[in-house]
Amino acid sequence: MDEPNCFVILFHSTHQALRGEEVLKAAGIEHAVINTPREFSVDCGISLRVGVTSREEAERALRAEGVVFAGIAPYRSRFQAR
């Protein structure tokens, strides 16, 4: 398997995913709102993609604002990670 080039932040609800997007945007963390990749089994079809170097910063920002997420998974995206 290829090395991951990003991380996908997974959520249980669309509400939390959109709240997470607001938090990352306010924190100035580069991210993208994406459809949850098929290989991940969660209730929400929306996830956030962050670059490999932004993972810890994104997790800290989400936790600090009380955003509930299902997990953060390494992923090999065919798109350029931001």
N, C-alpha and C. Protein backbone atom coordinates (compact mmCIF):
# COMPACT_ATOMS: atom_id res chain seq x y z
N MET A 1 0.83 -1.19 0.00
CA MET A 1 0.00 0.00 0.00
C MET A 1 0.87 1.25 0.00
N ASP A 2 0.43 2.26 -0.71
CA ASP A 2 1.16 3.52 -0.75
C ASP A 2 1.08 4.23 0.60
N GLU A 3 2.08 5.06 0.85
CA GLU A 3 2.08 5.86 2.07
C GLU A 3 0.92 6.85 2.04
N PRO A 4 0.31 7.12 3.20
CA PRO A 4 -0.77 8.11 3.22
C PRO A 4 -0.24 9.50 2.88
N ASN A 5 -1.03 10.28 2.18
CA ASN A 5 -0.64 11.66 1.87
C ASN A 5 -1.56 12.66 2.55
N CYS A 6 -2.47 12.14 3.40
CA CYS A 6 -3.36 13.01 4.15
C CYS A 6 -4.01 12.20 5.26
N PHE A 7 -4.82 12.89 6.05
CA PHE A 7 -5.64 12.24 7.07
C PHE A 7 -7.08 12.63 6.84
N VAL A 8 -7.98 11.70 7.13
CA VAL A 8 -9.41 11.96 7.01
C VAL A 8 -10.00 11.97 8.41
N ILE A 9 -10.68 13.06 8.74
CA ILE A 9 -11.35 13.17 10.03
C ILE A 9 -12.79 12.73 9.81
N LEU A 10 -13.18 11.69 10.54
CA LEU A 10 -14.48 11.05 10.36
C LEU A 10 -15.45 11.51 11.45
N PHE A 11 -16.72 11.62 11.10
CA PHE A 11 -17.74 12.11 12.03
C PHE A 11 -18.94 11.18 12.06
N HIS A 12 -19.71 11.27 13.16
CA HIS A 12 -20.95 10.51 13.30
C HIS A 12 -22.14 11.28 12.75
N SER A 13 -22.00 12.61 12.59
CA SER A 13 -23.14 13.40 12.11
C SER A 13 -22.66 14.53 11.21
N THR A 14 -23.54 14.93 10.31
CA THR A 14 -23.25 16.06 9.42
C THR A 14 -23.07 17.33 10.23
N HIS A 15 -23.86 17.48 11.27
CA HIS A 15 -23.76 18.67 12.13
C HIS A 15 -22.34 18.82 12.68
N GLN A 16 -21.79 17.73 13.23
CA GLN A 16 -20.43 17.80 13.78
C GLN A 16 -19.39 18.02 12.69
N ALA A 17 -19.59 17.43 11.52
CA ALA A 17 -18.65 17.63 10.41
C ALA A 17 -18.61 19.10 10.00
N LEU A 18 -19.78 19.72 9.89
CA LEU A 18 -19.83 21.13 9.50
C LEU A 18 -19.28 22.03 10.60
N ARG A 19 -19.52 21.66 11.85
CA ARG A 19 -18.94 22.41 12.97
C ARG A 19 -17.41 22.28 12.94
N GLY A 20 -16.93 21.08 12.65
CA GLY A 20 -15.49 20.87 12.54
C GLY A 20 -14.89 21.71 11.43
N GLU A 21 -15.59 21.83 10.32
CA GLU A 21 -15.12 22.65 9.21
C GLU A 21 -15.01 24.10 9.64
N GLU A 22 -15.98 24.60 10.39
CA GLU A 22 -15.94 25.97 10.89
C GLU A 22 -14.73 26.18 11.80
N VAL A 23 -14.48 25.23 12.67
CA VAL A 23 -13.37 25.33 13.62
C VAL A 23 -12.03 25.35 12.88
N LEU A 24 -11.84 24.45 11.93
CA LEU A 24 -10.57 24.42 11.19
C LEU A 24 -10.38 25.69 10.38
N LYS A 25 -11.45 26.18 9.79
CA LYS A 25 -11.37 27.43 9.02
C LYS A 25 -10.97 28.58 9.92
N ALA A 26 -11.61 28.70 11.08
CA ALA A 26 -11.30 29.78 12.02
C ALA A 26 -9.87 29.69 12.54
N ALA A 27 -9.36 28.46 12.66
CA ALA A 27 -7.99 28.25 13.15
C ALA A 27 -6.95 28.42 12.05
N GLY A 28 -7.40 28.61 10.82
CA GLY A 28 -6.46 28.78 9.71
C GLY A 28 -5.77 27.49 9.28
N ILE A 29 -6.41 26.36 9.55
CA ILE A 29 -5.84 25.06 9.19
C ILE A 29 -6.38 24.66 7.82
N GLU A 30 -5.48 24.43 6.88
CA GLU A 30 -5.90 24.02 5.53
C GLU A 30 -6.59 22.67 5.60
N HIS A 31 -7.72 22.59 4.91
CA HIS A 31 -8.52 21.38 4.94
C HIS A 31 -9.44 21.36 3.72
N ALA A 32 -10.12 20.26 3.54
CA ALA A 32 -11.13 20.16 2.49
C ALA A 32 -12.29 19.33 3.03
N VAL A 33 -13.49 19.74 2.68
CA VAL A 33 -14.68 18.95 2.99
C VAL A 33 -14.82 17.92 1.86
N ILE A 34 -14.91 16.65 2.23
CA ILE A 34 -14.96 15.58 1.23
C ILE A 34 -16.08 14.59 1.56
N ASN A 35 -16.47 13.82 0.57
CA ASN A 35 -17.33 12.67 0.84
C ASN A 35 -16.50 11.63 1.58
N THR A 36 -17.08 11.02 2.58
CA THR A 36 -16.35 10.00 3.34
C THR A 36 -15.95 8.86 2.40
N PRO A 37 -14.67 8.52 2.34
CA PRO A 37 -14.24 7.41 1.49
C PRO A 37 -14.96 6.11 1.85
N ARG A 38 -15.25 5.31 0.87
CA ARG A 38 -16.02 4.07 1.06
C ARG A 38 -15.37 3.09 2.04
N GLU A 39 -14.07 3.13 2.12
CA GLU A 39 -13.40 2.15 2.99
C GLU A 39 -13.59 2.41 4.48
N PHE A 40 -14.17 3.56 4.82
CA PHE A 40 -14.43 3.89 6.23
C PHE A 40 -15.92 3.73 6.51
N SER A 41 -16.23 3.01 7.56
CA SER A 41 -17.63 2.75 7.89
C SER A 41 -18.04 3.64 9.07
N VAL A 42 -18.68 4.75 8.75
CA VAL A 42 -19.22 5.66 9.76
C VAL A 42 -20.60 6.10 9.31
N ASP A 43 -21.33 6.73 10.21
CA ASP A 43 -22.70 7.13 9.93
C ASP A 43 -22.80 8.35 9.02
N CYS A 44 -21.78 9.16 8.97
CA CYS A 44 -21.84 10.43 8.24
C CYS A 44 -21.11 10.32 6.90
N GLY A 45 -21.70 10.87 5.87
CA GLY A 45 -21.11 10.84 4.54
C GLY A 45 -20.16 11.98 4.25
N ILE A 46 -19.96 12.87 5.25
CA ILE A 46 -19.07 14.02 5.08
C ILE A 46 -17.89 13.87 6.04
N SER A 47 -16.70 14.10 5.53
CA SER A 47 -15.48 14.07 6.33
C SER A 47 -14.64 15.29 6.00
N LEU A 48 -13.58 15.47 6.75
CA LEU A 48 -12.63 16.55 6.49
C LEU A 48 -11.28 15.94 6.18
N ARG A 49 -10.62 16.46 5.16
CA ARG A 49 -9.28 16.00 4.79
C ARG A 49 -8.28 17.06 5.20
N VAL A 50 -7.22 16.64 5.90
CA VAL A 50 -6.14 17.55 6.28
C VAL A 50 -4.82 16.92 5.85
N GLY A 51 -3.84 17.76 5.65
CA GLY A 51 -2.52 17.28 5.27
C GLY A 51 -1.84 16.53 6.41
N VAL A 52 -0.85 15.75 6.07
CA VAL A 52 -0.13 14.95 7.05
C VAL A 52 0.44 15.83 8.16
N THR A 53 0.97 16.98 7.81
CA THR A 53 1.59 17.85 8.81
C THR A 53 0.58 18.64 9.64
N SER A 54 -0.69 18.61 9.26
CA SER A 54 -1.72 19.36 9.98
C SER A 54 -2.55 18.50 10.92
N ARG A 55 -2.32 17.22 10.94
CA ARG A 55 -3.16 16.30 11.70
C ARG A 55 -3.27 16.67 13.18
N GLU A 56 -2.15 16.80 13.86
CA GLU A 56 -2.16 17.08 15.30
C GLU A 56 -2.78 18.43 15.60
N GLU A 57 -2.45 19.43 14.81
CA GLU A 57 -3.02 20.77 15.00
C GLU A 57 -4.54 20.74 14.82
N ALA A 58 -5.01 20.02 13.82
CA ALA A 58 -6.45 19.91 13.58
C ALA A 58 -7.13 19.20 14.74
N GLU A 59 -6.55 18.12 15.22
CA GLU A 59 -7.15 17.40 16.34
C GLU A 59 -7.22 18.28 17.59
N ARG A 60 -6.16 19.01 17.88
CA ARG A 60 -6.16 19.92 19.04
C ARG A 60 -7.26 20.96 18.92
N ALA A 61 -7.39 21.56 17.73
CA ALA A 61 -8.40 22.60 17.53
C ALA A 61 -9.81 22.04 17.71
N LEU A 62 -10.07 20.88 17.15
CA LEU A 62 -11.40 20.27 17.28
C LEU A 62 -11.71 19.93 18.73
N ARG A 63 -10.77 19.34 19.43
CA ARG A 63 -10.99 18.98 20.84
C ARG A 63 -11.19 20.23 21.70
N ALA A 64 -10.41 21.27 21.43
CA ALA A 64 -10.52 22.51 22.21
C ALA A 64 -11.90 23.14 22.08
N GLU A 65 -12.53 22.95 20.93
CA GLU A 65 -13.86 23.52 20.69
C GLU A 65 -14.99 22.53 20.95
N GLY A 66 -14.66 21.35 21.45
CA GLY A 66 -15.67 20.36 21.80
C GLY A 66 -16.34 19.68 20.63
N VAL A 67 -15.67 19.66 19.48
CA VAL A 67 -16.23 18.99 18.30
C VAL A 67 -16.02 17.48 18.47
N VAL A 68 -17.11 16.73 18.37
CA VAL A 68 -17.05 15.28 18.52
C VAL A 68 -16.79 14.65 17.15
N PHE A 69 -15.76 13.81 17.07
CA PHE A 69 -15.48 13.13 15.81
C PHE A 69 -15.27 11.65 16.08
N ALA A 70 -15.51 10.84 15.06
CA ALA A 70 -15.44 9.38 15.20
C ALA A 70 -14.01 8.87 15.18
N GLY A 71 -13.12 9.58 14.51
CA GLY A 71 -11.74 9.15 14.42
C GLY A 71 -10.99 9.93 13.36
N ILE A 72 -9.68 9.70 13.33
CA ILE A 72 -8.82 10.31 12.32
C ILE A 72 -8.01 9.18 11.71
N ALA A 73 -8.14 9.03 10.41
CA ALA A 73 -7.52 7.89 9.73
C ALA A 73 -6.55 8.34 8.65
N PRO A 74 -5.39 7.68 8.55
CA PRO A 74 -4.49 7.97 7.43
C PRO A 74 -5.14 7.53 6.14
N TYR A 75 -4.85 8.26 5.07
CA TYR A 75 -5.51 7.97 3.80
C TYR A 75 -4.59 8.36 2.64
N ARG A 76 -4.68 7.61 1.58
CA ARG A 76 -3.95 7.92 0.36
C ARG A 76 -4.96 8.48 -0.63
N SER A 77 -4.98 9.80 -0.76
CA SER A 77 -5.92 10.46 -1.66
C SER A 77 -5.32 10.57 -3.05
N ARG A 78 -6.16 10.46 -4.04
CA ARG A 78 -5.66 10.66 -5.41
C ARG A 78 -5.59 12.14 -5.74
N PHE A 79 -6.13 12.97 -4.86
CA PHE A 79 -6.07 14.42 -5.03
C PHE A 79 -4.92 14.97 -4.19
N GLN A 80 -4.45 16.12 -4.56
CA GLN A 80 -3.38 16.77 -3.81
C GLN A 80 -3.89 17.13 -2.43
N ALA A 81 -3.23 16.65 -1.39
CA ALA A 81 -3.61 17.01 -0.02
C ALA A 81 -3.30 18.47 0.21
N ARG A 82 -4.22 19.14 0.92
CA ARG A 82 -4.00 20.55 1.23
C ARG A 82 -3.65 20.70 2.67
